[in-house]
N, C-alpha and C. Protein backbone atom coordinates (compact mmCIF):
# COMPACT_ATOMS: atom_id res chain seq x y z
N MET A 1 117.40 92.51 90.48
CA MET A 1 116.27 93.16 89.81
C MET A 1 115.09 93.25 90.77
N ALA A 2 114.17 94.12 90.45
CA ALA A 2 112.96 94.26 91.27
C ALA A 2 111.78 94.58 90.36
N ARG A 3 110.66 93.93 90.63
CA ARG A 3 109.43 94.17 89.87
C ARG A 3 108.35 94.61 90.85
N TRP A 4 107.55 95.59 90.48
CA TRP A 4 106.50 96.10 91.36
C TRP A 4 105.15 95.91 90.70
N LYS A 5 104.11 95.88 91.56
CA LYS A 5 102.73 95.85 91.06
C LYS A 5 101.81 96.50 92.07
N CYS A 6 100.78 97.16 91.56
CA CYS A 6 99.78 97.82 92.40
C CYS A 6 98.42 97.28 92.01
N SER A 7 97.76 96.58 92.93
CA SER A 7 96.47 95.96 92.62
C SER A 7 95.36 96.98 92.43
N SER A 8 95.48 98.15 93.05
CA SER A 8 94.42 99.16 92.94
C SER A 8 94.34 99.76 91.54
N THR A 9 95.50 99.93 90.89
CA THR A 9 95.52 100.50 89.55
C THR A 9 95.82 99.45 88.48
N ILE A 10 96.10 98.22 88.92
CA ILE A 10 96.49 97.12 88.03
C ILE A 10 97.70 97.52 87.18
N SER A 11 98.60 98.28 87.78
CA SER A 11 99.83 98.67 87.09
C SER A 11 100.99 97.84 87.61
N SER A 12 102.01 97.65 86.79
CA SER A 12 103.19 96.89 87.19
C SER A 12 104.37 97.31 86.32
N GLY A 13 105.56 96.92 86.73
CA GLY A 13 106.75 97.25 85.96
C GLY A 13 108.01 96.89 86.72
N TYR A 14 109.14 97.21 86.13
CA TYR A 14 110.43 96.95 86.77
C TYR A 14 110.99 98.25 87.35
N LEU A 15 111.73 98.12 88.45
CA LEU A 15 112.33 99.27 89.10
C LEU A 15 113.78 99.41 88.66
N ASP A 16 114.22 100.65 88.47
CA ASP A 16 115.64 100.93 88.24
C ASP A 16 116.30 101.07 89.62
N LEU A 17 117.12 100.09 89.96
CA LEU A 17 117.76 100.08 91.28
C LEU A 17 119.07 100.86 91.24
N ILE A 18 119.21 101.81 92.13
CA ILE A 18 120.41 102.64 92.21
C ILE A 18 121.13 102.33 93.52
N GLU A 19 122.41 101.97 93.44
CA GLU A 19 123.17 101.63 94.64
C GLU A 19 123.27 102.85 95.55
N ASP A 20 122.93 102.67 96.81
CA ASP A 20 122.90 103.78 97.76
C ASP A 20 123.98 103.65 98.83
N THR A 21 123.93 102.55 99.61
CA THR A 21 124.87 102.37 100.72
C THR A 21 125.35 100.93 100.78
N LYS A 22 126.64 100.76 100.96
CA LYS A 22 127.20 99.42 101.12
C LYS A 22 127.29 99.07 102.61
N HIS A 23 126.98 97.82 102.93
CA HIS A 23 127.05 97.33 104.30
C HIS A 23 127.94 96.09 104.35
N ALA A 24 128.26 95.65 105.54
CA ALA A 24 129.10 94.47 105.68
C ALA A 24 128.42 93.24 105.12
N ASP A 25 127.10 93.20 105.18
CA ASP A 25 126.37 92.01 104.73
C ASP A 25 125.54 92.26 103.48
N GLY A 26 125.77 93.37 102.77
CA GLY A 26 124.99 93.61 101.57
C GLY A 26 125.01 95.07 101.13
N ILE A 27 124.05 95.44 100.30
CA ILE A 27 123.97 96.79 99.74
C ILE A 27 122.53 97.29 99.82
N THR A 28 122.36 98.55 100.15
CA THR A 28 121.05 99.19 100.11
C THR A 28 120.88 99.89 98.76
N TYR A 29 119.74 99.60 98.11
CA TYR A 29 119.43 100.24 96.84
C TYR A 29 118.24 101.17 97.02
N ARG A 30 118.13 102.16 96.18
CA ARG A 30 116.97 103.05 96.20
C ARG A 30 116.36 103.13 94.80
N SER A 31 115.09 103.47 94.75
CA SER A 31 114.41 103.58 93.48
C SER A 31 113.20 104.48 93.67
N SER A 32 112.45 104.70 92.61
CA SER A 32 111.27 105.56 92.69
C SER A 32 110.21 105.09 91.72
N LEU A 33 108.98 105.52 91.97
CA LEU A 33 107.83 105.18 91.13
C LEU A 33 107.10 106.46 90.72
N ASP A 34 106.49 106.43 89.56
CA ASP A 34 105.62 107.52 89.15
C ASP A 34 104.34 107.44 89.98
N GLN A 35 104.09 108.45 90.80
CA GLN A 35 102.96 108.41 91.73
C GLN A 35 101.62 108.29 91.01
N ARG A 36 101.57 108.65 89.73
CA ARG A 36 100.32 108.58 88.97
C ARG A 36 99.94 107.14 88.63
N THR A 37 100.88 106.20 88.80
CA THR A 37 100.61 104.81 88.42
C THR A 37 100.22 103.94 89.60
N VAL A 38 100.26 104.50 90.82
CA VAL A 38 99.99 103.67 92.00
C VAL A 38 98.98 104.34 92.91
N LEU A 39 98.34 103.50 93.71
CA LEU A 39 97.37 103.98 94.69
C LEU A 39 97.32 102.96 95.81
N GLY A 40 97.61 103.38 97.04
CA GLY A 40 97.60 102.44 98.15
C GLY A 40 98.85 101.57 98.16
N SER A 41 98.69 100.33 98.61
CA SER A 41 99.82 99.43 98.80
C SER A 41 100.44 98.99 97.48
N VAL A 42 101.76 98.86 97.49
CA VAL A 42 102.52 98.38 96.33
C VAL A 42 103.36 97.18 96.77
N VAL A 43 103.33 96.12 95.98
CA VAL A 43 104.12 94.92 96.27
C VAL A 43 105.36 94.93 95.38
N VAL A 44 106.52 94.73 96.00
CA VAL A 44 107.79 94.69 95.26
C VAL A 44 108.42 93.32 95.42
N SER A 45 108.81 92.71 94.31
CA SER A 45 109.50 91.42 94.31
C SER A 45 110.96 91.66 93.92
N VAL A 46 111.87 91.24 94.80
CA VAL A 46 113.31 91.42 94.56
C VAL A 46 113.93 90.07 94.26
N PHE A 47 114.75 90.01 93.21
CA PHE A 47 115.37 88.74 92.83
C PHE A 47 116.66 89.02 92.05
N ALA A 48 117.49 88.00 91.94
CA ALA A 48 118.77 88.13 91.23
C ALA A 48 118.69 87.38 89.91
N VAL A 49 119.11 88.04 88.84
CA VAL A 49 119.11 87.46 87.49
C VAL A 49 120.48 87.69 86.86
N ALA A 50 120.99 86.70 86.18
CA ALA A 50 122.28 86.83 85.51
C ALA A 50 122.16 87.75 84.30
N VAL A 51 123.01 88.78 84.24
CA VAL A 51 122.98 89.72 83.12
C VAL A 51 123.97 89.32 82.02
N SER A 52 124.78 88.31 82.30
CA SER A 52 125.73 87.78 81.31
C SER A 52 126.04 86.34 81.68
N PRO A 53 126.57 85.54 80.76
CA PRO A 53 126.91 84.14 81.08
C PRO A 53 127.95 84.06 82.19
N ILE A 54 127.77 83.09 83.10
CA ILE A 54 128.72 82.87 84.19
C ILE A 54 129.12 81.39 84.16
N PRO A 55 130.25 81.07 83.56
CA PRO A 55 130.68 79.67 83.53
C PRO A 55 131.22 79.24 84.89
N VAL A 56 131.05 78.00 85.22
CA VAL A 56 131.56 77.40 86.47
C VAL A 56 131.12 78.24 87.68
N PHE A 57 129.83 78.51 87.75
CA PHE A 57 129.30 79.32 88.86
C PHE A 57 129.11 78.46 90.10
N ARG A 58 129.44 79.04 91.26
CA ARG A 58 129.25 78.36 92.54
C ARG A 58 129.06 79.41 93.62
N TRP A 59 128.05 79.18 94.49
CA TRP A 59 127.83 80.07 95.62
C TRP A 59 128.95 79.89 96.64
N SER A 60 129.35 81.00 97.28
CA SER A 60 130.41 80.91 98.30
C SER A 60 129.92 80.15 99.53
N ARG A 61 128.60 80.24 99.79
CA ARG A 61 128.01 79.47 100.90
C ARG A 61 126.94 78.55 100.33
N GLN A 62 127.35 77.69 99.45
CA GLN A 62 126.44 76.81 98.74
C GLN A 62 125.84 75.76 99.66
N HIS A 63 124.58 75.40 99.42
CA HIS A 63 123.91 74.39 100.24
C HIS A 63 124.68 73.08 100.16
N GLU A 64 124.75 72.40 101.29
CA GLU A 64 125.55 71.18 101.38
C GLU A 64 125.06 70.09 100.43
N ASP A 65 123.79 70.15 100.04
CA ASP A 65 123.27 69.14 99.11
C ASP A 65 123.98 69.20 97.75
N TYR A 66 124.52 70.38 97.41
CA TYR A 66 125.19 70.53 96.12
C TYR A 66 126.70 70.32 96.21
N GLY A 67 127.22 70.24 97.44
CA GLY A 67 128.64 69.98 97.61
C GLY A 67 129.50 70.99 96.88
N ASP A 68 130.42 70.49 96.06
CA ASP A 68 131.32 71.36 95.29
C ASP A 68 130.88 71.50 93.83
N GLU A 69 129.62 71.19 93.55
CA GLU A 69 129.11 71.27 92.18
C GLU A 69 129.18 72.71 91.66
N THR A 70 129.43 72.84 90.37
CA THR A 70 129.40 74.14 89.70
C THR A 70 128.34 74.12 88.60
N PHE A 71 127.96 75.31 88.15
CA PHE A 71 126.87 75.41 87.17
C PHE A 71 127.26 76.41 86.08
N ASP A 72 126.81 76.14 84.87
CA ASP A 72 126.99 77.07 83.76
C ASP A 72 125.73 77.93 83.66
N VAL A 73 125.85 79.16 84.08
CA VAL A 73 124.71 80.08 84.13
C VAL A 73 124.61 80.86 82.82
N ARG A 74 123.40 80.93 82.28
CA ARG A 74 123.16 81.67 81.05
C ARG A 74 122.52 83.03 81.36
N THR A 75 122.63 83.94 80.43
CA THR A 75 122.01 85.26 80.59
C THR A 75 120.50 85.11 80.80
N GLY A 76 119.99 85.74 81.84
CA GLY A 76 118.56 85.67 82.14
C GLY A 76 118.18 84.59 83.13
N ASP A 77 119.14 83.72 83.50
CA ASP A 77 118.83 82.67 84.48
C ASP A 77 118.56 83.29 85.85
N LEU A 78 117.57 82.74 86.53
CA LEU A 78 117.21 83.22 87.87
C LEU A 78 118.19 82.64 88.88
N LEU A 79 118.82 83.51 89.67
CA LEU A 79 119.82 83.08 90.64
C LEU A 79 119.29 83.02 92.06
N SER A 80 118.11 83.55 92.29
CA SER A 80 117.53 83.52 93.64
C SER A 80 116.01 83.54 93.54
N MET A 81 115.36 82.99 94.55
CA MET A 81 113.90 83.05 94.60
C MET A 81 113.46 84.47 94.94
N PRO A 82 112.39 84.98 94.30
CA PRO A 82 111.92 86.34 94.60
C PRO A 82 111.49 86.49 96.06
N THR A 83 111.85 87.63 96.63
CA THR A 83 111.42 87.99 97.98
C THR A 83 110.48 89.18 97.87
N ASP A 84 109.28 89.06 98.41
CA ASP A 84 108.27 90.11 98.30
C ASP A 84 108.18 90.95 99.57
N PHE A 85 107.92 92.23 99.39
CA PHE A 85 107.56 93.09 100.52
C PHE A 85 106.56 94.13 100.03
N THR A 86 105.76 94.63 100.95
CA THR A 86 104.69 95.57 100.63
C THR A 86 104.92 96.90 101.35
N PHE A 87 104.65 97.99 100.66
CA PHE A 87 104.78 99.31 101.29
C PHE A 87 103.75 100.26 100.71
N ASP A 88 103.49 101.34 101.44
CA ASP A 88 102.59 102.40 100.98
C ASP A 88 103.45 103.58 100.54
N PRO A 89 103.55 103.84 99.24
CA PRO A 89 104.44 104.90 98.76
C PRO A 89 103.97 106.28 99.18
N ALA A 90 104.94 107.16 99.41
CA ALA A 90 104.63 108.54 99.76
C ALA A 90 104.20 109.29 98.50
N LYS A 91 103.11 110.01 98.61
CA LYS A 91 102.60 110.77 97.48
C LYS A 91 103.07 112.22 97.59
N LEU A 92 103.52 112.79 96.47
CA LEU A 92 104.04 114.15 96.48
C LEU A 92 103.03 115.18 96.01
N TYR A 93 101.92 114.73 95.42
CA TYR A 93 100.99 115.72 94.86
C TYR A 93 100.12 116.35 95.95
N ASP A 94 99.60 117.51 95.63
CA ASP A 94 98.69 118.22 96.52
C ASP A 94 97.34 117.50 96.52
N PRO A 95 96.85 117.04 97.68
CA PRO A 95 95.57 116.33 97.71
C PRO A 95 94.41 117.18 97.22
N GLN A 96 94.57 118.50 97.21
CA GLN A 96 93.52 119.36 96.68
C GLN A 96 93.58 119.49 95.15
N ASN A 97 94.66 118.97 94.57
CA ASN A 97 94.81 119.03 93.11
C ASN A 97 95.49 117.75 92.62
N PRO A 98 94.86 116.60 92.80
CA PRO A 98 95.49 115.32 92.49
C PRO A 98 95.54 115.04 91.00
N PRO A 99 96.48 114.16 90.56
CA PRO A 99 96.52 113.77 89.16
C PRO A 99 95.33 112.89 88.81
N LEU A 100 95.06 112.74 87.51
CA LEU A 100 93.88 112.03 87.05
C LEU A 100 93.82 110.59 87.56
N ASN A 101 94.96 109.87 87.50
CA ASN A 101 94.95 108.46 87.87
C ASN A 101 94.50 108.22 89.31
N SER A 102 94.68 109.23 90.18
CA SER A 102 94.36 109.04 91.59
C SER A 102 92.86 108.96 91.86
N ILE A 103 92.03 109.34 90.90
CA ILE A 103 90.59 109.32 91.15
C ILE A 103 89.97 107.97 90.81
N PHE A 104 90.76 107.04 90.29
CA PHE A 104 90.23 105.72 89.95
C PHE A 104 90.76 104.67 90.93
N LYS A 105 89.86 103.83 91.38
CA LYS A 105 90.26 102.70 92.22
C LYS A 105 89.67 101.43 91.62
N ILE A 106 90.53 100.47 91.30
CA ILE A 106 90.10 99.22 90.67
C ILE A 106 90.08 98.12 91.71
N VAL A 107 88.93 97.50 91.89
CA VAL A 107 88.76 96.46 92.91
C VAL A 107 88.29 95.16 92.27
N LYS A 108 88.46 94.09 93.02
CA LYS A 108 88.11 92.75 92.52
C LYS A 108 86.80 92.27 93.11
N ASP A 109 85.96 91.69 92.27
CA ASP A 109 84.70 91.07 92.70
C ASP A 109 84.92 89.57 92.80
N ASP A 110 84.91 89.04 94.02
CA ASP A 110 85.19 87.61 94.24
C ASP A 110 83.98 86.72 94.03
N ARG A 111 82.84 87.28 93.70
CA ARG A 111 81.66 86.45 93.48
C ARG A 111 81.86 85.58 92.24
N PRO A 112 81.44 84.32 92.30
CA PRO A 112 81.64 83.42 91.16
C PRO A 112 80.76 83.78 89.97
N ARG A 113 81.28 83.50 88.79
CA ARG A 113 80.56 83.62 87.52
C ARG A 113 80.11 85.05 87.19
N THR A 114 80.72 86.05 87.79
CA THR A 114 80.40 87.42 87.41
C THR A 114 81.21 87.82 86.17
N LYS A 115 80.63 88.64 85.32
CA LYS A 115 81.31 89.09 84.11
C LYS A 115 81.08 90.58 83.90
N GLY A 116 81.97 91.17 83.14
CA GLY A 116 81.80 92.58 82.80
C GLY A 116 82.36 93.53 83.85
N VAL A 117 82.56 94.77 83.44
CA VAL A 117 83.09 95.82 84.30
C VAL A 117 81.94 96.68 84.82
N SER A 118 81.96 97.00 86.10
CA SER A 118 80.94 97.88 86.68
C SER A 118 81.61 99.10 87.32
N VAL A 119 80.86 100.20 87.39
CA VAL A 119 81.40 101.46 87.90
C VAL A 119 80.47 102.02 88.96
N ASN A 120 81.06 102.58 90.02
CA ASN A 120 80.28 103.18 91.10
C ASN A 120 80.79 104.60 91.33
N TYR A 121 79.87 105.58 91.27
CA TYR A 121 80.25 106.98 91.44
C TYR A 121 79.86 107.53 92.82
N SER A 122 79.42 106.68 93.72
CA SER A 122 78.90 107.16 95.00
C SER A 122 80.00 107.52 96.00
N ASP A 123 81.23 107.07 95.75
CA ASP A 123 82.33 107.40 96.67
C ASP A 123 82.73 108.86 96.46
N GLY A 124 82.95 109.56 97.54
CA GLY A 124 83.27 110.98 97.44
C GLY A 124 84.67 111.27 96.93
N GLU A 125 85.58 110.30 97.05
CA GLU A 125 86.97 110.53 96.67
C GLU A 125 87.32 109.95 95.30
N GLN A 126 86.85 108.71 95.04
CA GLN A 126 87.30 108.01 93.84
C GLN A 126 86.15 107.36 93.08
N ILE A 127 86.40 107.12 91.80
CA ILE A 127 85.49 106.33 90.99
C ILE A 127 85.89 104.87 91.16
N ILE A 128 84.97 104.03 91.60
CA ILE A 128 85.28 102.63 91.89
C ILE A 128 84.97 101.78 90.66
N ILE A 129 86.01 101.15 90.11
CA ILE A 129 85.87 100.25 88.96
C ILE A 129 85.99 98.82 89.47
N THR A 130 84.94 98.03 89.29
CA THR A 130 84.94 96.65 89.80
C THR A 130 85.09 95.66 88.65
N LEU A 131 86.05 94.75 88.79
CA LEU A 131 86.30 93.72 87.79
C LEU A 131 86.03 92.34 88.37
N PRO A 132 85.48 91.41 87.57
CA PRO A 132 85.36 90.03 88.03
C PRO A 132 86.74 89.47 88.37
N LYS A 133 86.79 88.50 89.24
CA LYS A 133 88.06 87.96 89.74
C LYS A 133 89.00 87.55 88.61
N VAL A 134 88.49 86.78 87.65
CA VAL A 134 89.35 86.28 86.56
C VAL A 134 89.90 87.44 85.74
N LEU A 135 89.04 88.39 85.39
CA LEU A 135 89.48 89.54 84.60
C LEU A 135 90.50 90.37 85.36
N PHE A 136 90.25 90.58 86.65
CA PHE A 136 91.17 91.34 87.50
C PHE A 136 92.55 90.71 87.48
N GLU A 137 92.61 89.39 87.67
CA GLU A 137 93.90 88.69 87.72
C GLU A 137 94.58 88.70 86.36
N ARG A 138 93.80 88.59 85.29
CA ARG A 138 94.41 88.60 83.95
C ARG A 138 94.93 89.99 83.59
N MET A 139 94.23 91.03 84.03
CA MET A 139 94.68 92.39 83.74
C MET A 139 96.01 92.69 84.42
N GLN A 140 96.28 92.03 85.55
CA GLN A 140 97.55 92.25 86.23
C GLN A 140 98.71 91.68 85.44
N LEU A 141 98.42 90.80 84.48
CA LEU A 141 99.48 90.23 83.65
C LEU A 141 99.82 91.13 82.46
N VAL A 142 99.00 92.15 82.24
CA VAL A 142 99.21 93.06 81.11
C VAL A 142 100.25 94.11 81.49
N ASP A 143 101.32 94.21 80.70
CA ASP A 143 102.39 95.16 81.00
C ASP A 143 102.16 96.53 80.37
N SER A 144 101.38 96.59 79.31
CA SER A 144 101.20 97.85 78.58
C SER A 144 100.27 98.81 79.33
N ALA A 145 100.82 99.94 79.76
CA ALA A 145 99.99 100.95 80.43
C ALA A 145 98.95 101.52 79.48
N ASN A 146 99.32 101.70 78.22
CA ASN A 146 98.37 102.24 77.24
C ASN A 146 97.21 101.29 76.99
N LEU A 147 97.48 99.98 77.01
CA LEU A 147 96.40 99.01 76.82
C LEU A 147 95.43 99.05 77.99
N LYS A 148 95.95 99.19 79.21
CA LYS A 148 95.09 99.27 80.39
C LYS A 148 94.25 100.54 80.35
N LEU A 149 94.87 101.65 79.96
CA LEU A 149 94.12 102.90 79.86
C LEU A 149 93.03 102.80 78.81
N THR A 150 93.36 102.19 77.67
CA THR A 150 92.39 102.07 76.57
C THR A 150 91.23 101.17 76.93
N SER A 151 91.51 100.04 77.57
CA SER A 151 90.47 99.03 77.82
C SER A 151 89.66 99.30 79.08
N LEU A 152 90.22 100.01 80.05
CA LEU A 152 89.52 100.21 81.32
C LEU A 152 89.22 101.69 81.62
N VAL A 153 90.26 102.48 81.71
CA VAL A 153 90.10 103.86 82.19
C VAL A 153 89.40 104.74 81.16
N LEU A 154 89.74 104.60 79.89
CA LEU A 154 89.12 105.45 78.86
C LEU A 154 87.60 105.33 78.83
N PRO A 155 87.03 104.12 78.72
CA PRO A 155 85.56 104.03 78.69
C PRO A 155 84.91 104.51 79.99
N VAL A 156 85.57 104.28 81.12
CA VAL A 156 85.01 104.74 82.40
C VAL A 156 85.05 106.27 82.47
N LEU A 157 86.13 106.87 82.00
CA LEU A 157 86.22 108.33 82.03
C LEU A 157 85.17 108.96 81.11
N VAL A 158 84.95 108.36 79.94
CA VAL A 158 83.89 108.83 79.04
C VAL A 158 82.54 108.78 79.76
N ASP A 159 82.27 107.67 80.43
CA ASP A 159 81.01 107.50 81.16
C ASP A 159 80.90 108.50 82.31
N ALA A 160 82.03 108.74 83.00
CA ALA A 160 82.03 109.67 84.13
C ALA A 160 81.72 111.09 83.67
N ILE A 161 82.31 111.51 82.57
CA ILE A 161 82.04 112.85 82.04
C ILE A 161 80.57 112.98 81.65
N ASP A 162 80.03 111.95 81.02
CA ASP A 162 78.62 111.96 80.64
C ASP A 162 77.73 111.98 81.89
N PHE A 163 78.15 111.26 82.94
CA PHE A 163 77.40 111.22 84.20
C PHE A 163 77.37 112.60 84.85
N ILE A 164 78.51 113.29 84.82
CA ILE A 164 78.58 114.64 85.38
C ILE A 164 77.64 115.58 84.64
N ARG A 165 77.66 115.53 83.33
CA ARG A 165 76.81 116.41 82.53
C ARG A 165 75.33 116.12 82.76
N SER A 166 74.98 114.84 82.82
CA SER A 166 73.58 114.47 83.05
C SER A 166 73.10 114.98 84.40
N SER A 167 73.96 114.88 85.41
CA SER A 167 73.59 115.34 86.76
C SER A 167 73.41 116.85 86.80
N GLU A 168 74.21 117.57 86.03
CA GLU A 168 74.11 119.03 86.01
C GLU A 168 72.88 119.50 85.25
N ILE A 169 72.48 118.76 84.21
CA ILE A 169 71.31 119.13 83.40
C ILE A 169 70.01 118.92 84.17
N GLN A 170 69.95 117.80 84.90
CA GLN A 170 68.73 117.46 85.64
C GLN A 170 68.61 118.34 86.88
N ASN A 171 67.49 119.01 87.03
CA ASN A 171 67.30 119.88 88.18
C ASN A 171 67.32 119.11 89.49
N ASP A 172 66.82 117.88 89.45
CA ASP A 172 66.79 117.08 90.66
C ASP A 172 67.94 116.07 90.67
N GLY A 173 68.95 116.30 89.81
CA GLY A 173 70.08 115.39 89.74
C GLY A 173 70.98 115.52 90.96
N GLU A 174 71.86 114.55 91.13
CA GLU A 174 72.76 114.54 92.28
C GLU A 174 73.79 115.65 92.15
N ASP A 175 74.04 116.38 93.25
CA ASP A 175 75.04 117.44 93.27
C ASP A 175 76.42 116.80 93.46
N LEU A 176 77.26 116.90 92.44
CA LEU A 176 78.57 116.25 92.48
C LEU A 176 79.70 117.22 92.81
N SER A 177 79.36 118.46 93.14
CA SER A 177 80.38 119.48 93.36
C SER A 177 81.30 119.17 94.54
N ASP A 178 80.82 118.38 95.49
CA ASP A 178 81.65 118.04 96.65
C ASP A 178 82.44 116.75 96.44
N PHE A 179 82.27 116.11 95.30
CA PHE A 179 82.98 114.87 95.03
C PHE A 179 84.37 115.20 94.48
N GLN A 180 85.41 114.65 95.12
CA GLN A 180 86.79 114.95 94.72
C GLN A 180 87.07 114.54 93.28
N TRP A 181 86.56 113.38 92.87
CA TRP A 181 86.83 112.90 91.51
C TRP A 181 86.22 113.83 90.46
N CYS A 182 85.04 114.39 90.78
CA CYS A 182 84.38 115.31 89.86
C CYS A 182 85.17 116.62 89.75
N ARG A 183 85.61 117.15 90.89
CA ARG A 183 86.39 118.39 90.88
C ARG A 183 87.69 118.22 90.10
N THR A 184 88.31 117.04 90.27
CA THR A 184 89.57 116.77 89.57
C THR A 184 89.37 116.77 88.06
N ILE A 185 88.33 116.09 87.59
CA ILE A 185 88.05 116.05 86.15
C ILE A 185 87.81 117.46 85.61
N LYS A 186 87.03 118.26 86.33
CA LYS A 186 86.72 119.61 85.87
C LYS A 186 87.97 120.50 85.85
N LYS A 187 88.83 120.35 86.87
CA LYS A 187 90.07 121.14 86.90
C LYS A 187 90.98 120.78 85.73
N LEU A 188 91.07 119.49 85.44
CA LEU A 188 91.93 119.05 84.34
C LEU A 188 91.36 119.48 82.99
N MET A 189 90.04 119.48 82.87
CA MET A 189 89.42 119.98 81.63
C MET A 189 89.76 121.45 81.43
N GLU A 190 89.65 122.22 82.50
CA GLU A 190 89.94 123.65 82.41
C GLU A 190 91.41 123.89 82.08
N ALA A 191 92.30 123.09 82.72
CA ALA A 191 93.74 123.25 82.49
C ALA A 191 94.13 122.90 81.06
N ASN A 192 93.35 122.04 80.41
CA ASN A 192 93.64 121.61 79.04
C ASN A 192 92.76 122.29 78.00
N ASP A 193 92.12 123.40 78.41
CA ASP A 193 91.27 124.18 77.50
C ASP A 193 90.16 123.34 76.88
N LEU A 194 89.58 122.46 77.67
CA LEU A 194 88.45 121.64 77.23
C LEU A 194 87.19 122.17 77.90
N ASN A 195 86.08 122.13 77.20
CA ASN A 195 84.85 122.67 77.77
C ASN A 195 83.68 121.73 77.51
N ASP A 196 82.52 122.15 77.97
CA ASP A 196 81.33 121.29 77.89
C ASP A 196 80.81 121.12 76.47
N ASP A 197 81.34 121.90 75.53
CA ASP A 197 80.93 121.73 74.14
C ASP A 197 81.65 120.55 73.47
N ASP A 198 82.74 120.10 74.08
CA ASP A 198 83.49 118.98 73.52
C ASP A 198 82.82 117.66 73.88
N ARG A 199 82.91 116.69 72.99
CA ARG A 199 82.33 115.37 73.24
C ARG A 199 83.12 114.66 74.33
N PRO A 200 82.44 113.85 75.18
CA PRO A 200 83.13 113.12 76.24
C PRO A 200 84.31 112.29 75.75
N LEU A 201 84.17 111.64 74.58
CA LEU A 201 85.26 110.81 74.06
C LEU A 201 86.48 111.66 73.72
N VAL A 202 86.25 112.83 73.14
CA VAL A 202 87.35 113.73 72.81
C VAL A 202 88.07 114.18 74.07
N ILE A 203 87.29 114.56 75.09
CA ILE A 203 87.86 115.01 76.36
C ILE A 203 88.67 113.90 77.01
N ALA A 204 88.08 112.71 77.10
CA ALA A 204 88.74 111.59 77.78
C ALA A 204 90.06 111.24 77.10
N GLN A 205 90.06 111.21 75.77
CA GLN A 205 91.30 110.86 75.07
C GLN A 205 92.39 111.90 75.33
N LYS A 206 92.03 113.17 75.34
CA LYS A 206 93.03 114.22 75.57
C LYS A 206 93.56 114.17 77.00
N LEU A 207 92.68 113.94 77.96
CA LEU A 207 93.11 113.89 79.36
C LEU A 207 94.02 112.70 79.62
N LEU A 208 93.85 111.63 78.85
CA LEU A 208 94.67 110.42 79.02
C LEU A 208 95.83 110.37 78.02
N ALA A 209 96.09 111.48 77.34
CA ALA A 209 97.19 111.57 76.38
C ALA A 209 97.04 110.57 75.24
N ASN A 210 95.81 110.41 74.75
CA ASN A 210 95.52 109.57 73.59
C ASN A 210 96.09 108.15 73.71
N PRO A 211 95.57 107.36 74.64
CA PRO A 211 96.12 106.02 74.88
C PRO A 211 95.95 105.06 73.71
N ILE A 212 94.91 105.23 72.88
CA ILE A 212 94.73 104.35 71.72
C ILE A 212 95.89 104.55 70.75
N ASP A 213 96.22 105.81 70.48
CA ASP A 213 97.37 106.11 69.63
C ASP A 213 98.65 105.56 70.26
N GLY A 214 98.76 105.72 71.58
CA GLY A 214 99.95 105.25 72.28
C GLY A 214 100.12 103.75 72.20
N TYR A 215 99.00 103.02 72.33
CA TYR A 215 99.08 101.55 72.26
C TYR A 215 99.43 101.10 70.85
N ALA A 216 98.86 101.76 69.84
CA ALA A 216 99.19 101.43 68.45
C ALA A 216 100.67 101.68 68.17
N ALA A 217 101.21 102.76 68.72
CA ALA A 217 102.63 103.06 68.55
C ALA A 217 103.50 102.02 69.26
N ASP A 218 103.04 101.57 70.44
CA ASP A 218 103.77 100.53 71.17
C ASP A 218 103.85 99.25 70.35
N ILE A 219 102.73 98.84 69.74
CA ILE A 219 102.69 97.62 68.94
C ILE A 219 103.59 97.74 67.72
N ALA A 220 103.55 98.90 67.06
CA ALA A 220 104.38 99.13 65.88
C ALA A 220 105.86 99.06 66.24
N ALA A 221 106.23 99.67 67.38
CA ALA A 221 107.62 99.64 67.82
C ALA A 221 108.07 98.23 68.17
N GLN A 222 107.16 97.47 68.81
CA GLN A 222 107.48 96.09 69.17
C GLN A 222 107.70 95.24 67.92
N GLN A 223 106.83 95.39 66.93
CA GLN A 223 106.97 94.63 65.69
C GLN A 223 108.25 95.00 64.95
N GLU A 224 108.58 96.28 64.95
CA GLU A 224 109.81 96.73 64.30
C GLU A 224 111.03 96.14 64.98
N SER A 225 110.99 96.10 66.33
CA SER A 225 112.10 95.52 67.08
C SER A 225 112.26 94.03 66.79
N GLU A 226 111.13 93.32 66.71
CA GLU A 226 111.18 91.88 66.43
C GLU A 226 111.71 91.61 65.03
N GLU A 227 111.35 92.47 64.07
CA GLU A 227 111.84 92.29 62.70
C GLU A 227 113.34 92.54 62.61
N MET A 228 113.83 93.49 63.39
CA MET A 228 115.26 93.78 63.37
C MET A 228 116.07 92.66 64.00
N GLN A 229 115.47 91.97 64.99
CA GLN A 229 116.17 90.88 65.66
C GLN A 229 116.08 89.57 64.90
N ALA A 230 115.12 89.47 63.96
CA ALA A 230 114.91 88.23 63.21
C ALA A 230 116.06 87.96 62.23
């Protein structure tokens, strides 16, 4: 099995490994990621897990400390320590027309005792979302993409849309036309038939495919699954 995580977007998940090439000493697997969920470096942890019970299990090259001992392996037991590697995934989208997720960069604030989320719009490429260290680390434990969108990206996108409008209304406001993140939001609004008459919250929810509804549906499905297994 393999699990991936991206600290810039605080996204994570499991990879579907597809056997590609067999070698004398092992097998090469291939997989893929949705480019909208990652930005920059991605860490992948590879490990072996039993998918079914294995009675009287023994490694062919077992450590001498275990001698000829055998083990009764249960489904889900970890058979190897995770091995991590980091890579920068290739992006397939046109940099002149990037997806919405690419305009957000989530960073960690290592200063002690800081609280709350802060946003910086001064970067020409991305909106910088800064989280306190503890919150940043805890958010990485969250598996639900809809929960992350609802709790972090949705309020920031609402604020960003309001910031764009305020800048355009003020004669002496900052010109955001050269900012990539601003152009991306405007292009996506146009592509989704959204205009300046719509409220920022309405626009943000539509651009993010209604993450609040999605999270509620996820919870309902999870509860239904648990009830069926009970």
